[in-house]
Amino acid sequence: MQSQAPGSEQGRAPAKRKQKRPAGHEETDDDERSRKTQAGGTSAVRGLLRDFLEQQLRLDVQRQEMMERQARERLFFEEQWRQSIQRMERERLMLEQAWVEREEQRRMREEARAERRDAILTSLLTRLLQGDL
């Protein structure tokens, strides 16, 4: 068997430990590259978040505009409906008034006929009673 360092797994290289840098030590290329990659990843995530938030804002604005347009359309159709009902009510009142007027004229004609008939009957009865016939 092979001898291994305590705590290391078989077949794996022992983990590299970061060495403390002495004060004033300059960064290595690997450290700088790692930091740039991390910064690039952070900025990419920030960019994605910014794009997502902008998209959400656009969707919110579109939703608000759609709701306002629907509210205007609803008000327009309600006003059209109200005007239509008012127009039908006016037409109904005019038709009813015309019917009342025709009915009144019919009654007047009927009364005039009844009066003429009564006058003729009275005249005939008077003549019969006086013996003129």
C-alpha atoms as a PDB file:
ATOM      1  CA  MET A   1       0.000   0.000   0.000  1.00  0.00           C
ATOM      2  CA  GLN A   2       0.938   3.556  -0.537  1.00  0.00           C
ATOM      3  CA  SER A   3       1.366   5.838   2.325  1.00  0.00           C
ATOM      4  CA  GLN A   4      -0.897   8.839   2.247  1.00  0.00           C
ATOM      5  CA  ALA A   5      -1.084  12.020   4.104  1.00  0.00           C
ATOM      6  CA  PRO A   6      -3.718  11.892   6.824  1.00  0.00           C
ATOM      7  CA  GLY A   7      -7.118  13.271   5.698  1.00  0.00           C
ATOM      8  CA  SER A   8      -6.434  12.985   1.978  1.00  0.00           C
ATOM      9  CA  GLU A   9      -8.383  10.671  -0.246  1.00  0.00           C
ATOM     10  CA  GLN A  10      -6.817   7.984  -2.355  1.00  0.00           C
ATOM     11  CA  GLY A  11      -6.070   9.045  -5.924  1.00  0.00           C
ATOM     12  CA  ARG A  12      -6.421  12.764  -5.246  1.00  0.00           C
ATOM     13  CA  ALA A  13      -3.682  15.237  -4.938  1.00  0.00           C
ATOM     14  CA  PRO A  14      -3.531  16.995  -1.618  1.00  0.00           C
ATOM     15  CA  ALA A  15      -5.409  20.315  -1.621  1.00  0.00           C
ATOM     16  CA  LYS A  16      -3.232  23.327  -2.184  1.00  0.00           C
ATOM     17  CA  ARG A  17      -3.314  25.753   0.616  1.00  0.00           C
ATOM     18  CA  LYS A  18      -3.164  29.426  -0.018  1.00  0.00           C
ATOM     19  CA  GLN A  19      -0.011  30.845   1.241  1.00  0.00           C
ATOM     20  CA  LYS A  20      -0.119  34.073   3.057  1.00  0.00           C
ATOM     21  CA  ARG A  21       1.575  36.764   1.136  1.00  0.00           C
ATOM     22  CA  PRO A  22       3.982  38.944   2.894  1.00  0.00           C
ATOM     23  CA  ALA A  23       3.064  42.603   3.076  1.00  0.00           C
ATOM     24  CA  GLY A  24       3.887  44.481  -0.085  1.00  0.00           C
ATOM     25  CA  HIS A  25       3.869  41.275  -2.153  1.00  0.00           C
ATOM     26  CA  GLU A  26       2.627  41.855  -5.695  1.00  0.00           C
ATOM     27  CA  GLU A  27      -0.276  39.818  -7.059  1.00  0.00           C
ATOM     28  CA  THR A  28       0.516  37.011  -9.393  1.00  0.00           C
ATOM     29  CA  ASP A  29      -1.021  36.712 -12.849  1.00  0.00           C
ATOM     30  CA  ASP A  30      -3.274  33.896 -11.604  1.00  0.00           C
ATOM     31  CA  ASP A  31      -4.629  36.049  -8.779  1.00  0.00           C
ATOM     32  CA  GLU A  32      -5.281  38.943 -11.122  1.00  0.00           C
ATOM     33  CA  ARG A  33      -6.938  36.701 -13.732  1.00  0.00           C
ATOM     34  CA  SER A  34      -9.089  35.109 -11.033  1.00  0.00           C
ATOM     35  CA  ARG A  35     -10.206  38.496  -9.744  1.00  0.00           C
ATOM     36  CA  LYS A  36     -11.028  39.716 -13.282  1.00  0.00           C
ATOM     37  CA  THR A  37     -13.011  36.546 -13.996  1.00  0.00           C
ATOM     38  CA  GLN A  38     -14.925  36.956 -10.757  1.00  0.00           C
ATOM     39  CA  ALA A  39     -15.562  40.645 -11.500  1.00  0.00           C
ATOM     40  CA  GLY A  40     -16.651  39.716 -15.029  1.00  0.00           C
ATOM     41  CA  GLY A  41     -19.080  37.134 -13.656  1.00  0.00           C
ATOM     42  CA  THR A  42     -20.471  39.640 -11.175  1.00  0.00           C
ATOM     43  CA  SER A  43     -20.930  42.251 -13.869  1.00  0.00           C
ATOM     44  CA  ALA A  44     -22.589  39.659 -16.109  1.00  0.00           C
ATOM     45  CA  VAL A  45     -25.030  38.785 -13.329  1.00  0.00           C
ATOM     46  CA  ARG A  46     -25.643  42.479 -12.709  1.00  0.00           C
ATOM     47  CA  GLY A  47     -26.238  42.948 -16.435  1.00  0.00           C
ATOM     48  CA  LEU A  48     -28.710  40.080 -16.492  1.00  0.00           C
ATOM     49  CA  LEU A  49     -30.499  41.472 -13.435  1.00  0.00           C
ATOM     50  CA  ARG A  50     -30.597  44.939 -14.988  1.00  0.00           C
ATOM     51  CA  ASP A  51     -32.002  43.500 -18.241  1.00  0.00           C
ATOM     52  CA  PHE A  52     -34.563  41.494 -16.285  1.00  0.00           C
ATOM     53  CA  LEU A  53     -35.665  44.533 -14.272  1.00  0.00           C
ATOM     54  CA  GLU A  54     -35.888  46.670 -17.425  1.00  0.00           C
ATOM     55  CA  GLN A  55     -37.991  43.979 -19.078  1.00  0.00           C
ATOM     56  CA  GLN A  56     -40.255  43.842 -16.005  1.00  0.00           C
ATOM     57  CA  LEU A  57     -40.630  47.616 -16.091  1.00  0.00           C
ATOM     58  CA  ARG A  58     -41.532  47.493 -19.800  1.00  0.00           C
ATOM     59  CA  LEU A  59     -44.068  44.744 -19.084  1.00  0.00           C
ATOM     60  CA  ASP A  60     -45.524  46.769 -16.207  1.00  0.00           C
ATOM     61  CA  VAL A  61     -45.835  49.835 -18.442  1.00  0.00           C
ATOM     62  CA  GLN A  62     -47.476  47.745 -21.197  1.00  0.00           C
ATOM     63  CA  ARG A  63     -49.847  46.167 -18.668  1.00  0.00           C
ATOM     64  CA  GLN A  64     -50.759  49.593 -17.271  1.00  0.00           C
ATOM     65  CA  GLU A  65     -51.328  50.996 -20.777  1.00  0.00           C
ATOM     66  CA  MET A  66     -53.488  47.986 -21.659  1.00  0.00           C
ATOM     67  CA  MET A  67     -55.558  48.407 -18.490  1.00  0.00           C
ATOM     68  CA  GLU A  68     -56.026  52.115 -19.211  1.00  0.00           C
ATOM     69  CA  ARG A  69     -57.025  51.365 -22.815  1.00  0.00           C
ATOM     70  CA  GLN A  70     -59.528  48.747 -21.628  1.00  0.00           C
ATOM     71  CA  ALA A  71     -60.935  51.212 -19.085  1.00  0.00           C
ATOM     72  CA  ARG A  72     -61.354  53.844 -21.831  1.00  0.00           C
ATOM     73  CA  GLU A  73     -63.008  51.283 -24.119  1.00  0.00           C
ATOM     74  CA  ARG A  74     -65.332  50.180 -21.308  1.00  0.00           C
ATOM     75  CA  LEU A  75     -66.314  53.804 -20.622  1.00  0.00           C
ATOM     76  CA  PHE A  76     -66.846  54.380 -24.348  1.00  0.00           C
ATOM     77  CA  PHE A  77     -69.086  51.320 -24.676  1.00  0.00           C
ATOM     78  CA  GLU A  78     -70.978  52.210 -21.491  1.00  0.00           C
ATOM     79  CA  GLU A  79     -71.618  55.697 -22.884  1.00  0.00           C
ATOM     80  CA  GLN A  80     -72.741  54.199 -26.210  1.00  0.00           C
ATOM     81  CA  TRP A  81     -75.064  51.838 -24.341  1.00  0.00           C
ATOM     82  CA  ARG A  82     -76.440  54.692 -22.213  1.00  0.00           C
ATOM     83  CA  GLN A  83     -77.093  56.818 -25.307  1.00  0.00           C
ATOM     84  CA  SER A  84     -78.741  53.878 -27.048  1.00  0.00           C
ATOM     85  CA  ILE A  85     -81.031  53.282 -24.045  1.00  0.00           C
ATOM     86  CA  GLN A  86     -81.906  56.999 -23.903  1.00  0.00           C
ATOM     87  CA  ARG A  87     -82.651  57.040 -27.646  1.00  0.00           C
ATOM     88  CA  MET A  88     -84.910  53.971 -27.312  1.00  0.00           C
ATOM     89  CA  GLU A  89     -86.664  55.553 -24.334  1.00  0.00           C
ATOM     90  CA  ARG A  90     -87.302  58.752 -26.336  1.00  0.00           C
ATOM     91  CA  GLU A  91     -88.628  56.671 -29.251  1.00  0.00           C
ATOM     92  CA  ARG A  92     -90.881  54.735 -26.873  1.00  0.00           C
ATOM     93  CA  LEU A  93     -92.218  57.959 -25.374  1.00  0.00           C
ATOM     94  CA  MET A  94     -92.851  59.408 -28.845  1.00  0.00           C
ATOM     95  CA  LEU A  95     -94.659  56.235 -29.949  1.00  0.00           C
ATOM     96  CA  GLU A  96     -96.698  56.228 -26.755  1.00  0.00           C
ATOM     97  CA  GLN A  97     -97.589  59.903 -27.225  1.00  0.00           C
ATOM     98  CA  ALA A  98     -98.597  59.236 -30.833  1.00  0.00           C
ATOM     99  CA  TRP A  99    -100.768  56.324 -29.673  1.00  0.00           C
ATOM    100  CA  VAL A 100    -102.412  58.508 -26.992  1.00  0.00           C
ATOM    101  CA  GLU A 101    -103.133  61.202 -29.600  1.00  0.00           C
ATOM    102  CA  ARG A 102    -104.606  58.668 -32.066  1.00  0.00           C
ATOM    103  CA  GLU A 103    -106.701  57.157 -29.279  1.00  0.00           C
ATOM    104  CA  GLU A 104    -107.970  60.620 -28.291  1.00  0.00           C
ATOM    105  CA  GLN A 105    -108.879  61.399 -31.913  1.00  0.00           C
ATOM    106  CA  ARG A 106    -110.700  58.072 -32.207  1.00  0.00           C
ATOM    107  CA  ARG A 107    -112.694  58.827 -29.036  1.00  0.00           C
ATOM    108  CA  MET A 108    -113.563  62.289 -30.319  1.00  0.00           C
ATOM    109  CA  ARG A 109    -114.766  60.857 -33.647  1.00  0.00           C
ATOM    110  CA  GLU A 110    -116.763  58.195 -31.791  1.00  0.00           C
ATOM    111  CA  GLU A 111    -118.378  60.829 -29.547  1.00  0.00           C
ATOM    112  CA  ALA A 112    -119.195  62.999 -32.575  1.00  0.00           C
ATOM    113  CA  ARG A 113    -120.839  59.977 -34.283  1.00  0.00           C
ATOM    114  CA  ALA A 114    -122.736  59.147 -31.104  1.00  0.00           C
ATOM    115  CA  GLU A 115    -123.981  62.744 -30.838  1.00  0.00           C
ATOM    116  CA  ARG A 116    -125.081  62.784 -34.518  1.00  0.00           C
ATOM    117  CA  ARG A 117    -126.809  59.425 -34.043  1.00  0.00           C
ATOM    118  CA  ASP A 118    -128.542  60.697 -30.899  1.00  0.00           C
ATOM    119  CA  ALA A 119    -129.595  63.868 -32.736  1.00  0.00           C
ATOM    120  CA  ILE A 120    -131.011  61.839 -35.633  1.00  0.00           C
ATOM    121  CA  LEU A 121    -132.851  59.463 -33.268  1.00  0.00           C
ATOM    122  CA  THR A 122    -134.200  62.378 -31.248  1.00  0.00           C
ATOM    123  CA  SER A 123    -135.341  64.090 -34.416  1.00  0.00           C
ATOM    124  CA  LEU A 124    -137.026  60.905 -35.680  1.00  0.00           C
ATOM    125  CA  LEU A 125    -138.758  60.300 -32.354  1.00  0.00           C
ATOM    126  CA  THR A 126    -139.904  63.900 -32.200  1.00  0.00           C
ATOM    127  CA  ARG A 127    -141.384  63.651 -35.710  1.00  0.00           C
ATOM    128  CA  LEU A 128    -143.052  60.361 -34.891  1.00  0.00           C
ATOM    129  CA  LEU A 129    -144.551  61.772 -31.754  1.00  0.00           C
ATOM    130  CA  GLN A 130    -145.755  64.872 -33.591  1.00  0.00           C
ATOM    131  CA  GLY A 131    -147.124  62.812 -36.412  1.00  0.00           C
ATOM    132  CA  ASP A 132    -145.006  64.327 -39.141  1.00  0.00           C
ATOM    133  CA  LEU A 133    -144.065  60.963 -40.472  1.00  0.00           C
END
